[in-house]
Amino acid sequence: MQIKMKKVKIVTRRRGQTMESWVDVPDTSVEGWGDVSSMKYVGQRHTRIDAVEKVTGSAKYTYDMKFPGMLYGKILRSAYPRARVTRIDATKAMALPGVKVVILPDDEGASDLLRRECRYAGQEVAAVAATTPEIAEDALRLIEVEYTELPFVVHADKAMENGAAQVQDDRPNAGEPRVNEQGDVNAGFVESDVKVDADYKTEVHTHVSLETHGSIAHW
């Protein structure tokens, strides 16, 4: 039996942007949920299934997982906000016992993350896989890298000035903004008793997870 479909417009608003989209839904009547208080899960309080493990320290994370023959990866990162790698030599790192592989930007099959031109401090330059995290860390220090430092800017207003150092070669620093207009801003200014003009800045924020970033590949 073929179900008849109809198109429904959905309007969503996120971060000051209003977006409209059309979706196909069955052309049938939809019954509501009814009284939420009678439901077992929706609208009810529930105990976290992992609460005890997390507060007692018994929860298992990626770092706790061990497999036979497992290797540990470490990344060599640029110390410069903008630079070009002019020379890189991993001979000494590869000779270190326990090191299985060192991947450099020009190696076949290297990730696109490994680049000779670094656009921010901390960008990936090389990768090491070794039998222990400590050996991998030692191998990073044995990789010889020479950089040519390039011009850079760290403030948004300076980055938008004419002649500012460009982050990307194929597009300018200042892209086209997404604009969402609602109401009459100018009229609002006229009607306001007080107008405040200020610049607001904030640092990078991230969620406060109990586990550091990491992953394991097993095959």
N, C-alpha and C. Protein backbone atom coordinates (compact mmCIF):
# COMPACT_ATOMS: atom_id res chain seq x y z
N MET A 1 0.84 -1.19 0.00
CA MET A 1 0.00 0.00 0.00
C MET A 1 0.88 1.24 0.00
N GLN A 2 0.65 2.11 -0.96
CA GLN A 2 1.44 3.32 -1.07
C GLN A 2 0.88 4.40 -0.15
N ILE A 3 1.75 4.96 0.65
CA ILE A 3 1.33 6.00 1.60
C ILE A 3 1.40 7.35 0.91
N LYS A 4 0.33 8.09 1.00
CA LYS A 4 0.30 9.43 0.42
C LYS A 4 1.12 10.38 1.29
N MET A 5 1.95 11.16 0.62
CA MET A 5 2.82 12.09 1.34
C MET A 5 2.43 13.53 1.05
N LYS A 6 2.81 14.40 1.94
CA LYS A 6 2.60 15.83 1.73
C LYS A 6 3.83 16.60 2.21
N LYS A 7 4.01 17.79 1.69
CA LYS A 7 5.15 18.61 2.07
C LYS A 7 4.76 19.57 3.19
N VAL A 8 5.63 19.68 4.17
CA VAL A 8 5.41 20.56 5.31
C VAL A 8 6.62 21.47 5.47
N LYS A 9 6.36 22.75 5.65
CA LYS A 9 7.46 23.70 5.84
C LYS A 9 7.84 23.76 7.31
N ILE A 10 9.13 23.65 7.56
CA ILE A 10 9.66 23.74 8.92
C ILE A 10 10.52 24.98 9.03
N VAL A 11 10.25 25.79 10.03
CA VAL A 11 11.03 27.01 10.27
C VAL A 11 11.82 26.82 11.56
N THR A 12 13.13 26.93 11.47
CA THR A 12 14.00 26.80 12.64
C THR A 12 14.83 28.06 12.80
N ARG A 13 15.19 28.33 14.02
CA ARG A 13 16.01 29.52 14.32
C ARG A 13 17.16 29.09 15.21
N ARG A 14 18.37 29.40 14.75
CA ARG A 14 19.55 29.00 15.50
C ARG A 14 20.63 30.05 15.33
N ARG A 15 21.17 30.49 16.45
CA ARG A 15 22.26 31.47 16.47
C ARG A 15 21.92 32.70 15.63
N GLY A 16 20.71 33.17 15.78
CA GLY A 16 20.31 34.39 15.09
C GLY A 16 19.93 34.19 13.64
N GLN A 17 19.95 32.96 13.15
CA GLN A 17 19.63 32.69 11.75
C GLN A 17 18.29 31.96 11.67
N THR A 18 17.42 32.45 10.80
CA THR A 18 16.14 31.79 10.56
C THR A 18 16.23 31.00 9.26
N MET A 19 15.93 29.72 9.32
CA MET A 19 16.04 28.85 8.15
C MET A 19 14.72 28.14 7.91
N GLU A 20 14.37 28.03 6.64
CA GLU A 20 13.16 27.33 6.24
C GLU A 20 13.53 26.11 5.39
N SER A 21 12.84 25.02 5.62
CA SER A 21 13.06 23.82 4.83
C SER A 21 11.74 23.08 4.67
N TRP A 22 11.66 22.28 3.62
CA TRP A 22 10.46 21.50 3.34
C TRP A 22 10.78 20.03 3.50
N VAL A 23 9.90 19.31 4.18
CA VAL A 23 10.09 17.88 4.38
C VAL A 23 8.83 17.14 3.97
N ASP A 24 9.00 15.89 3.57
CA ASP A 24 7.87 15.04 3.20
C ASP A 24 7.43 14.23 4.41
N VAL A 25 6.14 14.29 4.72
CA VAL A 25 5.58 13.55 5.85
C VAL A 25 4.32 12.82 5.37
N PRO A 26 3.94 11.74 6.03
CA PRO A 26 2.71 11.04 5.65
C PRO A 26 1.49 11.95 5.78
N ASP A 27 0.63 11.91 4.78
CA ASP A 27 -0.57 12.75 4.77
C ASP A 27 -1.68 12.07 5.57
N THR A 28 -1.43 11.92 6.86
CA THR A 28 -2.40 11.29 7.76
C THR A 28 -2.51 12.13 9.02
N SER A 29 -3.55 11.91 9.75
CA SER A 29 -3.73 12.64 11.00
C SER A 29 -2.73 12.13 12.03
N VAL A 30 -2.24 13.03 12.84
CA VAL A 30 -1.25 12.68 13.85
C VAL A 30 -1.84 12.92 15.24
N GLU A 31 -1.79 11.90 16.06
CA GLU A 31 -2.32 12.03 17.41
C GLU A 31 -1.25 12.60 18.34
N GLY A 32 -1.67 13.47 19.22
CA GLY A 32 -0.74 14.05 20.18
C GLY A 32 -0.33 13.06 21.26
N TRP A 33 0.66 13.42 22.04
CA TRP A 33 1.13 12.54 23.10
C TRP A 33 0.15 12.43 24.25
N GLY A 34 -0.67 13.44 24.42
CA GLY A 34 -1.59 13.40 25.53
C GLY A 34 -0.95 13.94 26.80
N ASP A 35 -1.42 13.47 27.94
CA ASP A 35 -0.95 13.94 29.23
C ASP A 35 0.45 13.39 29.51
N VAL A 36 1.44 14.29 29.58
CA VAL A 36 2.82 13.87 29.79
C VAL A 36 3.00 13.22 31.16
N SER A 37 2.22 13.62 32.14
CA SER A 37 2.40 13.09 33.50
C SER A 37 2.16 11.59 33.58
N SER A 38 1.44 11.04 32.63
CA SER A 38 1.16 9.61 32.65
C SER A 38 2.23 8.80 31.93
N MET A 39 3.23 9.48 31.36
CA MET A 39 4.26 8.77 30.60
C MET A 39 5.36 8.27 31.53
N LYS A 40 6.01 7.21 31.10
CA LYS A 40 7.02 6.55 31.92
C LYS A 40 8.39 7.23 31.80
N TYR A 41 8.71 7.73 30.61
CA TYR A 41 10.04 8.29 30.38
C TYR A 41 10.03 9.78 30.09
N VAL A 42 9.17 10.22 29.16
CA VAL A 42 9.15 11.62 28.76
C VAL A 42 8.69 12.48 29.93
N GLY A 43 9.47 13.51 30.25
CA GLY A 43 9.11 14.43 31.31
C GLY A 43 9.38 13.94 32.71
N GLN A 44 9.99 12.76 32.84
CA GLN A 44 10.24 12.20 34.17
C GLN A 44 11.73 12.26 34.50
N ARG A 45 12.05 12.25 35.78
CA ARG A 45 13.44 12.25 36.22
C ARG A 45 13.99 10.82 36.17
N HIS A 46 15.25 10.71 35.75
CA HIS A 46 15.85 9.38 35.64
C HIS A 46 17.28 9.42 36.20
N THR A 47 17.67 8.34 36.82
CA THR A 47 19.03 8.21 37.33
C THR A 47 19.97 7.88 36.18
N ARG A 48 21.09 8.59 36.10
CA ARG A 48 22.07 8.30 35.05
C ARG A 48 22.63 6.90 35.24
N ILE A 49 22.69 6.15 34.16
CA ILE A 49 23.15 4.77 34.26
C ILE A 49 24.66 4.69 34.51
N ASP A 50 25.40 5.79 34.23
CA ASP A 50 26.85 5.76 34.42
C ASP A 50 27.31 6.65 35.56
N ALA A 51 26.37 7.13 36.38
CA ALA A 51 26.72 8.09 37.43
C ALA A 51 27.69 7.49 38.45
N VAL A 52 27.38 6.31 38.96
CA VAL A 52 28.22 5.70 40.00
C VAL A 52 29.62 5.43 39.47
N GLU A 53 29.71 4.90 38.25
CA GLU A 53 31.02 4.59 37.67
C GLU A 53 31.88 5.85 37.52
N LYS A 54 31.26 6.95 37.13
CA LYS A 54 32.03 8.16 36.89
C LYS A 54 32.51 8.80 38.19
N VAL A 55 31.65 8.85 39.20
CA VAL A 55 32.05 9.52 40.45
C VAL A 55 32.98 8.65 41.29
N THR A 56 32.99 7.34 41.06
CA THR A 56 33.90 6.47 41.81
C THR A 56 35.20 6.20 41.06
N GLY A 57 35.28 6.65 39.82
CA GLY A 57 36.51 6.45 39.05
C GLY A 57 36.62 5.10 38.40
N SER A 58 35.56 4.31 38.42
CA SER A 58 35.62 2.97 37.83
C SER A 58 35.17 2.95 36.37
N ALA A 59 34.71 4.09 35.86
CA ALA A 59 34.27 4.14 34.46
C ALA A 59 35.46 3.91 33.54
N LYS A 60 35.25 3.18 32.45
CA LYS A 60 36.31 2.87 31.51
C LYS A 60 36.29 3.86 30.36
N TYR A 61 37.46 4.43 30.09
CA TYR A 61 37.60 5.38 28.99
C TYR A 61 38.58 4.82 27.96
N THR A 62 38.74 5.57 26.89
CA THR A 62 39.64 5.13 25.82
C THR A 62 41.02 4.82 26.35
N TYR A 63 41.51 5.65 27.26
CA TYR A 63 42.87 5.46 27.80
C TYR A 63 43.00 4.14 28.55
N ASP A 64 41.90 3.61 29.07
CA ASP A 64 41.95 2.37 29.84
C ASP A 64 41.96 1.12 28.97
N MET A 65 41.71 1.26 27.69
CA MET A 65 41.60 0.11 26.80
C MET A 65 42.98 -0.31 26.31
N LYS A 66 43.26 -1.60 26.37
CA LYS A 66 44.53 -2.15 25.92
C LYS A 66 44.27 -3.35 25.01
N PHE A 67 45.05 -3.44 23.92
CA PHE A 67 44.94 -4.57 23.00
C PHE A 67 46.33 -5.12 22.73
N PRO A 68 46.44 -6.41 22.44
CA PRO A 68 47.76 -6.99 22.13
C PRO A 68 48.37 -6.30 20.91
N GLY A 69 49.64 -5.92 21.03
CA GLY A 69 50.33 -5.29 19.92
C GLY A 69 49.90 -3.87 19.64
N MET A 70 49.21 -3.23 20.58
CA MET A 70 48.70 -1.88 20.34
C MET A 70 49.83 -0.87 20.23
N LEU A 71 49.70 0.05 19.28
CA LEU A 71 50.65 1.13 19.11
C LEU A 71 50.04 2.44 19.60
N TYR A 72 50.90 3.37 19.93
CA TYR A 72 50.46 4.67 20.45
C TYR A 72 50.93 5.77 19.50
N GLY A 73 50.02 6.67 19.19
CA GLY A 73 50.33 7.75 18.26
C GLY A 73 50.56 9.07 18.97
N LYS A 74 51.51 9.83 18.45
CA LYS A 74 51.78 11.18 18.93
C LYS A 74 51.94 12.10 17.72
N ILE A 75 51.60 13.36 17.90
CA ILE A 75 51.64 14.33 16.81
C ILE A 75 52.67 15.41 17.11
N LEU A 76 53.52 15.70 16.12
CA LEU A 76 54.43 16.83 16.21
C LEU A 76 53.71 18.05 15.68
N ARG A 77 53.68 19.13 16.46
CA ARG A 77 52.91 20.31 16.10
C ARG A 77 53.81 21.53 15.94
N SER A 78 53.36 22.42 15.09
CA SER A 78 54.11 23.65 14.83
C SER A 78 54.12 24.55 16.06
N ALA A 79 55.26 25.15 16.32
CA ALA A 79 55.36 26.11 17.43
C ALA A 79 55.13 27.53 16.95
N TYR A 80 54.87 27.70 15.65
CA TYR A 80 54.73 29.03 15.08
C TYR A 80 53.30 29.24 14.56
N PRO A 81 52.79 30.46 14.68
CA PRO A 81 51.44 30.74 14.18
C PRO A 81 51.34 30.73 12.66
N ARG A 82 52.43 31.00 12.00
CA ARG A 82 52.45 30.94 10.53
C ARG A 82 53.88 30.64 10.10
N ALA A 83 54.08 29.54 9.40
CA ALA A 83 55.43 29.16 8.99
C ALA A 83 55.35 28.13 7.87
N ARG A 84 56.47 27.97 7.18
CA ARG A 84 56.59 26.96 6.13
C ARG A 84 57.72 26.01 6.51
N VAL A 85 57.44 24.71 6.43
CA VAL A 85 58.46 23.71 6.73
C VAL A 85 59.41 23.62 5.55
N THR A 86 60.65 24.01 5.75
CA THR A 86 61.64 23.98 4.67
C THR A 86 62.49 22.72 4.70
N ARG A 87 62.57 22.08 5.86
CA ARG A 87 63.34 20.84 5.97
C ARG A 87 62.77 20.01 7.11
N ILE A 88 62.62 18.71 6.86
CA ILE A 88 62.16 17.81 7.92
C ILE A 88 62.84 16.46 7.74
N ASP A 89 63.41 15.95 8.80
CA ASP A 89 64.19 14.71 8.75
C ASP A 89 63.82 13.85 9.96
N ALA A 90 63.33 12.64 9.69
CA ALA A 90 62.90 11.74 10.76
C ALA A 90 63.83 10.55 10.91
N THR A 91 65.05 10.64 10.38
CA THR A 91 65.98 9.51 10.43
C THR A 91 66.26 9.06 11.86
N LYS A 92 66.56 10.00 12.74
CA LYS A 92 66.87 9.66 14.13
C LYS A 92 65.64 9.09 14.84
N ALA A 93 64.49 9.63 14.54
CA ALA A 93 63.26 9.13 15.18
C ALA A 93 62.97 7.70 14.76
N MET A 94 63.17 7.38 13.49
CA MET A 94 62.91 6.03 13.00
C MET A 94 63.89 5.03 13.58
N ALA A 95 65.09 5.48 13.95
CA ALA A 95 66.10 4.58 14.50
C ALA A 95 65.87 4.27 15.97
N LEU A 96 64.96 4.98 16.61
CA LEU A 96 64.70 4.76 18.03
C LEU A 96 63.97 3.43 18.22
N PRO A 97 64.48 2.52 19.06
CA PRO A 97 63.80 1.24 19.29
C PRO A 97 62.37 1.45 19.79
N GLY A 98 61.46 0.72 19.20
CA GLY A 98 60.05 0.83 19.57
C GLY A 98 59.24 1.69 18.62
N VAL A 99 59.90 2.48 17.80
CA VAL A 99 59.18 3.30 16.81
C VAL A 99 58.85 2.44 15.60
N LYS A 100 57.60 2.40 15.21
CA LYS A 100 57.17 1.59 14.08
C LYS A 100 57.04 2.39 12.79
N VAL A 101 56.62 3.64 12.91
CA VAL A 101 56.46 4.45 11.70
C VAL A 101 56.46 5.93 12.07
N VAL A 102 57.01 6.73 11.16
CA VAL A 102 56.93 8.18 11.26
C VAL A 102 56.35 8.69 9.95
N ILE A 103 55.30 9.46 10.02
CA ILE A 103 54.62 9.96 8.83
C ILE A 103 54.91 11.45 8.68
N LEU A 104 55.39 11.83 7.50
CA LEU A 104 55.73 13.22 7.21
C LEU A 104 54.78 13.77 6.16
N PRO A 105 54.73 15.09 6.00
CA PRO A 105 53.76 15.70 5.07
C PRO A 105 53.84 15.19 3.64
N ASP A 106 55.05 14.89 3.15
CA ASP A 106 55.20 14.48 1.75
C ASP A 106 55.09 12.98 1.54
N ASP A 107 54.88 12.22 2.59
CA ASP A 107 54.79 10.76 2.46
C ASP A 107 53.51 10.36 1.73
N GLU A 108 53.60 9.30 0.96
CA GLU A 108 52.42 8.79 0.26
C GLU A 108 51.40 8.28 1.28
N GLY A 109 50.17 8.70 1.09
CA GLY A 109 49.12 8.29 2.01
C GLY A 109 49.04 9.11 3.27
N ALA A 110 49.86 10.14 3.39
CA ALA A 110 49.82 10.99 4.58
C ALA A 110 48.49 11.74 4.65
N SER A 111 48.04 11.99 5.85
CA SER A 111 46.79 12.71 6.05
C SER A 111 46.90 14.13 5.53
N ASP A 112 45.78 14.68 5.09
CA ASP A 112 45.75 16.08 4.66
C ASP A 112 46.04 17.02 5.82
N LEU A 113 45.97 16.51 7.04
CA LEU A 113 46.25 17.35 8.20
C LEU A 113 47.73 17.73 8.27
N LEU A 114 48.59 16.86 7.72
CA LEU A 114 50.03 17.12 7.77
C LEU A 114 50.39 18.02 6.60
N ARG A 115 50.81 19.22 6.90
CA ARG A 115 51.10 20.20 5.85
C ARG A 115 52.47 20.82 6.08
N ARG A 116 53.07 21.24 4.96
CA ARG A 116 54.33 21.96 5.05
C ARG A 116 54.11 23.42 5.41
N GLU A 117 52.93 23.95 5.11
CA GLU A 117 52.64 25.33 5.49
C GLU A 117 51.70 25.33 6.69
N CYS A 118 52.18 25.89 7.79
CA CYS A 118 51.42 25.90 9.04
C CYS A 118 50.70 27.22 9.18
N ARG A 119 49.42 27.15 9.49
CA ARG A 119 48.60 28.36 9.57
C ARG A 119 48.20 28.72 10.99
N TYR A 120 48.61 27.94 11.95
CA TYR A 120 48.33 28.29 13.34
C TYR A 120 49.29 27.50 14.24
N ALA A 121 49.59 28.05 15.39
CA ALA A 121 50.44 27.36 16.36
C ALA A 121 49.73 26.12 16.85
N GLY A 122 50.37 24.97 16.67
CA GLY A 122 49.75 23.71 17.05
C GLY A 122 49.30 22.88 15.87
N GLN A 123 49.46 23.39 14.65
CA GLN A 123 49.05 22.61 13.48
C GLN A 123 49.94 21.38 13.33
N GLU A 124 49.35 20.29 12.86
CA GLU A 124 50.05 19.02 12.74
C GLU A 124 51.14 19.10 11.67
N VAL A 125 52.33 18.59 11.99
CA VAL A 125 53.45 18.58 11.06
C VAL A 125 53.89 17.15 10.75
N ALA A 126 53.92 16.29 11.76
CA ALA A 126 54.33 14.89 11.57
C ALA A 126 53.62 14.03 12.61
N ALA A 127 53.60 12.71 12.34
CA ALA A 127 52.95 11.76 13.25
C ALA A 127 53.88 10.58 13.51
N VAL A 128 53.81 10.05 14.72
CA VAL A 128 54.65 8.92 15.12
C VAL A 128 53.77 7.84 15.73
N ALA A 129 54.08 6.58 15.42
CA ALA A 129 53.43 5.44 16.08
C ALA A 129 54.53 4.57 16.69
N ALA A 130 54.38 4.27 17.99
CA ALA A 130 55.40 3.50 18.70
C ALA A 130 54.73 2.55 19.69
N THR A 131 55.54 1.70 20.30
CA THR A 131 54.99 0.67 21.19
C THR A 131 54.55 1.21 22.54
N THR A 132 55.03 2.38 22.93
CA THR A 132 54.58 3.01 24.18
C THR A 132 54.42 4.51 23.95
N PRO A 133 53.58 5.17 24.76
CA PRO A 133 53.43 6.62 24.62
C PRO A 133 54.74 7.36 24.87
N GLU A 134 55.56 6.86 25.80
CA GLU A 134 56.81 7.52 26.13
C GLU A 134 57.79 7.47 24.96
N ILE A 135 57.86 6.32 24.30
CA ILE A 135 58.75 6.21 23.14
C ILE A 135 58.28 7.12 22.01
N ALA A 136 56.98 7.17 21.81
CA ALA A 136 56.44 8.05 20.76
C ALA A 136 56.77 9.51 21.07
N GLU A 137 56.69 9.89 22.35
CA GLU A 137 57.02 11.26 22.74
C GLU A 137 58.51 11.55 22.51
N ASP A 138 59.36 10.58 22.85
CA ASP A 138 60.80 10.76 22.61
C ASP A 138 61.09 10.89 21.12
N ALA A 139 60.38 10.14 20.31
CA ALA A 139 60.59 10.18 18.87
C ALA A 139 60.26 11.55 18.30
N LEU A 140 59.24 12.19 18.84
CA LEU A 140 58.89 13.53 18.36
C LEU A 140 60.06 14.49 18.53
N ARG A 141 60.76 14.37 19.65
CA ARG A 141 61.88 15.28 19.92
C ARG A 141 63.08 15.01 19.01
N LEU A 142 63.10 13.83 18.38
CA LEU A 142 64.20 13.48 17.48
C LEU A 142 63.94 13.90 16.04
N ILE A 143 62.73 14.31 15.73
CA ILE A 143 62.43 14.77 14.37
C ILE A 143 63.01 16.17 14.19
N GLU A 144 63.83 16.32 13.18
CA GLU A 144 64.49 17.60 12.91
C GLU A 144 63.65 18.40 11.91
N VAL A 145 63.25 19.58 12.32
CA VAL A 145 62.40 20.42 11.47
C VAL A 145 62.98 21.83 11.41
N GLU A 146 63.05 22.36 10.22
CA GLU A 146 63.44 23.76 10.03
C GLU A 146 62.27 24.51 9.43
N TYR A 147 61.97 25.67 9.99
CA TYR A 147 60.84 26.48 9.55
C TYR A 147 61.32 27.81 9.00
N THR A 148 60.53 28.34 8.08
CA THR A 148 60.66 29.74 7.68
C THR A 148 59.41 30.44 8.19
N GLU A 149 59.60 31.35 9.13
CA GLU A 149 58.45 32.04 9.70
C GLU A 149 57.85 33.01 8.68
N LEU A 150 56.53 33.08 8.67
CA LEU A 150 55.79 33.92 7.74
C LEU A 150 54.98 34.96 8.51
N PRO A 151 54.58 36.05 7.84
CA PRO A 151 53.78 37.08 8.52
C PRO A 151 52.44 36.51 8.99
N PHE A 152 51.93 37.06 10.08
CA PHE A 152 50.65 36.59 10.60
C PHE A 152 49.98 37.72 11.38
N VAL A 153 48.70 37.56 11.60
CA VAL A 153 47.94 38.48 12.44
C VAL A 153 47.12 37.65 13.42
N VAL A 154 46.86 38.22 14.59
CA VAL A 154 46.10 37.48 15.61
C VAL A 154 44.83 38.19 16.03
N HIS A 155 44.60 39.39 15.52
CA HIS A 155 43.39 40.13 15.86
C HIS A 155 42.49 40.25 14.64
N ALA A 156 41.20 40.07 14.83
CA ALA A 156 40.25 40.08 13.72
C ALA A 156 40.26 41.40 12.97
N ASP A 157 40.33 42.52 13.69
CA ASP A 157 40.30 43.81 13.01
C ASP A 157 41.54 44.01 12.16
N LYS A 158 42.70 43.54 12.62
CA LYS A 158 43.92 43.65 11.83
C LYS A 158 43.88 42.72 10.62
N ALA A 159 43.26 41.56 10.77
CA ALA A 159 43.19 40.60 9.67
C ALA A 159 42.34 41.12 8.53
N MET A 160 41.42 42.05 8.79
CA MET A 160 40.54 42.58 7.75
C MET A 160 41.11 43.80 7.06
N GLU A 161 42.25 44.28 7.51
CA GLU A 161 42.85 45.46 6.88
C GLU A 161 43.47 45.11 5.53
N ASN A 162 43.55 46.09 4.64
CA ASN A 162 44.20 45.89 3.35
C ASN A 162 45.68 45.58 3.56
N GLY A 163 46.15 44.57 2.85
CA GLY A 163 47.55 44.20 2.96
C GLY A 163 47.87 43.28 4.11
N ALA A 164 46.84 42.84 4.86
CA ALA A 164 47.09 41.93 5.98
C ALA A 164 47.53 40.57 5.46
N ALA A 165 48.33 39.87 6.25
CA ALA A 165 48.77 38.52 5.89
C ALA A 165 47.55 37.61 5.74
N GLN A 166 47.50 36.85 4.64
CA GLN A 166 46.36 36.00 4.36
C GLN A 166 46.56 34.60 4.95
N VAL A 167 45.51 34.07 5.54
CA VAL A 167 45.57 32.73 6.11
C VAL A 167 45.50 31.69 5.00
N GLN A 168 44.57 31.87 4.07
CA GLN A 168 44.39 30.96 2.94
C GLN A 168 44.83 31.66 1.66
N ASP A 169 45.50 30.92 0.79
CA ASP A 169 45.98 31.50 -0.46
C ASP A 169 44.85 31.73 -1.46
N ASP A 170 43.79 30.93 -1.38
CA ASP A 170 42.76 30.97 -2.40
C ASP A 170 41.53 31.78 -1.99
N ARG A 171 41.53 32.38 -0.81
CA ARG A 171 40.39 33.21 -0.41
C ARG A 171 40.84 34.21 0.65
N PRO A 172 40.18 35.36 0.70
CA PRO A 172 40.60 36.41 1.63
C PRO A 172 40.24 36.08 3.08
N ASN A 173 40.85 36.81 3.99
CA ASN A 173 40.56 36.60 5.41
C ASN A 173 39.11 36.93 5.74
N ALA A 174 38.63 38.04 5.19
CA ALA A 174 37.27 38.50 5.49
C ALA A 174 36.30 37.94 4.47
N GLY A 175 35.53 36.95 4.86
CA GLY A 175 34.53 36.38 3.96
C GLY A 175 33.22 37.14 4.03
N GLU A 176 32.28 36.71 3.23
CA GLU A 176 30.96 37.34 3.23
C GLU A 176 30.17 36.87 4.45
N PRO A 177 29.68 37.79 5.26
CA PRO A 177 28.94 37.39 6.46
C PRO A 177 27.53 36.90 6.12
N ARG A 178 26.99 36.09 7.00
CA ARG A 178 25.58 35.71 6.89
C ARG A 178 24.77 36.76 7.65
N VAL A 179 23.86 37.39 6.96
CA VAL A 179 23.10 38.49 7.54
C VAL A 179 21.66 38.06 7.75
N ASN A 180 21.14 38.32 8.93
CA ASN A 180 19.74 38.05 9.25
C ASN A 180 19.14 39.33 9.82
N GLU A 181 18.19 39.90 9.11
CA GLU A 181 17.60 41.16 9.54
C GLU A 181 16.15 40.96 9.97
N GLN A 182 15.84 41.49 11.14
CA GLN A 182 14.47 41.45 11.65
C GLN A 182 14.18 42.77 12.35
N GLY A 183 13.06 43.35 12.03
CA GLY A 183 12.69 44.61 12.65
C GLY A 183 13.46 45.79 12.08
N ASP A 184 13.33 46.94 12.73
CA ASP A 184 13.97 48.18 12.29
C ASP A 184 14.96 48.60 13.37
N VAL A 185 16.24 48.29 13.14
CA VAL A 185 17.27 48.59 14.14
C VAL A 185 17.42 50.09 14.34
N ASN A 186 17.43 50.84 13.25
CA ASN A 186 17.61 52.30 13.35
C ASN A 186 16.49 52.94 14.16
N ALA A 187 15.27 52.47 13.92
CA ALA A 187 14.14 53.00 14.69
C ALA A 187 14.29 52.66 16.17
N GLY A 188 14.83 51.49 16.44
CA GLY A 188 15.05 51.10 17.83
C GLY A 188 16.06 51.99 18.51
N PHE A 189 17.11 52.40 17.77
CA PHE A 189 18.09 53.31 18.34
C PHE A 189 17.45 54.66 18.67
N VAL A 190 16.62 55.14 17.77
CA VAL A 190 15.97 56.44 17.98
C VAL A 190 15.08 56.42 19.21
N GLU A 191 14.39 55.32 19.41
CA GLU A 191 13.45 55.22 20.53
C GLU A 191 14.12 54.87 21.86
N SER A 192 15.39 54.49 21.81
CA SER A 192 16.06 54.05 23.04
C SER A 192 16.47 55.23 23.91
N ASP A 193 16.33 55.06 25.21
CA ASP A 193 16.78 56.07 26.16
C ASP A 193 18.30 56.03 26.34
N VAL A 194 18.86 54.83 26.22
CA VAL A 194 20.30 54.65 26.41
C VAL A 194 20.85 53.76 25.30
N LYS A 195 22.00 54.15 24.75
CA LYS A 195 22.69 53.33 23.76
C LYS A 195 24.09 53.01 24.29
N VAL A 196 24.46 51.75 24.22
CA VAL A 196 25.77 51.31 24.70
C VAL A 196 26.55 50.75 23.53
N ASP A 197 27.75 51.28 23.32
CA ASP A 197 28.62 50.81 22.24
C ASP A 197 29.87 50.21 22.88
N ALA A 198 30.08 48.92 22.69
CA ALA A 198 31.22 48.26 23.35
C ALA A 198 31.68 47.07 22.52
N ASP A 199 32.91 46.68 22.74
CA ASP A 199 33.47 45.47 22.13
C ASP A 199 33.54 44.38 23.20
N TYR A 200 33.08 43.19 22.84
CA TYR A 200 33.08 42.08 23.78
C TYR A 200 33.98 40.97 23.24
N LYS A 201 34.80 40.41 24.10
CA LYS A 201 35.71 39.35 23.70
C LYS A 201 35.61 38.20 24.68
N THR A 202 35.83 37.00 24.19
CA THR A 202 35.83 35.83 25.06
C THR A 202 36.86 34.84 24.55
N GLU A 203 37.34 34.00 25.44
CA GLU A 203 38.32 33.00 25.06
C GLU A 203 37.61 31.78 24.47
N VAL A 204 38.40 30.85 23.96
CA VAL A 204 37.85 29.61 23.42
C VAL A 204 37.21 28.81 24.55
N HIS A 205 36.04 28.26 24.29
CA HIS A 205 35.35 27.45 25.29
C HIS A 205 35.19 26.02 24.77
N THR A 206 35.17 25.10 25.67
CA THR A 206 34.92 23.71 25.31
C THR A 206 34.17 23.04 26.45
N HIS A 207 33.56 21.91 26.17
CA HIS A 207 32.84 21.21 27.23
C HIS A 207 33.86 20.62 28.22
N VAL A 208 33.43 20.48 29.46
CA VAL A 208 34.33 19.98 30.50
C VAL A 208 34.06 18.48 30.67
N SER A 209 34.55 17.70 29.73
CA SER A 209 34.34 16.26 29.79
C SER A 209 35.36 15.62 30.72
N LEU A 210 35.02 14.48 31.28
CA LEU A 210 35.94 13.78 32.18
C LEU A 210 37.04 13.08 31.41
N GLU A 211 36.83 12.85 30.12
CA GLU A 211 37.79 12.12 29.30
C GLU A 211 38.47 13.05 28.31
N THR A 212 39.80 12.95 28.20
CA THR A 212 40.50 13.72 27.18
C THR A 212 40.23 13.12 25.81
N HIS A 213 40.46 13.91 24.77
CA HIS A 213 40.19 13.44 23.42
C HIS A 213 41.10 12.26 23.07
N GLY A 214 40.54 11.27 22.43
CA GLY A 214 41.34 10.12 22.03
C GLY A 214 40.50 9.11 21.28
N SER A 215 41.15 8.21 20.57
CA SER A 215 40.43 7.18 19.83
C SER A 215 41.33 5.97 19.65
N ILE A 216 40.72 4.82 19.42
CA ILE A 216 41.45 3.58 19.18
C ILE A 216 40.93 2.96 17.90
N ALA A 217 41.84 2.56 17.02
CA ALA A 217 41.48 1.83 15.81
C ALA A 217 41.87 0.37 16.00
N HIS A 218 40.92 -0.54 15.81
CA HIS A 218 41.17 -1.97 16.06
C HIS A 218 40.61 -2.78 14.89
N TRP A 219 41.46 -3.58 14.27
CA TRP A 219 40.98 -4.42 13.17
C TRP A 219 41.77 -5.70 13.12
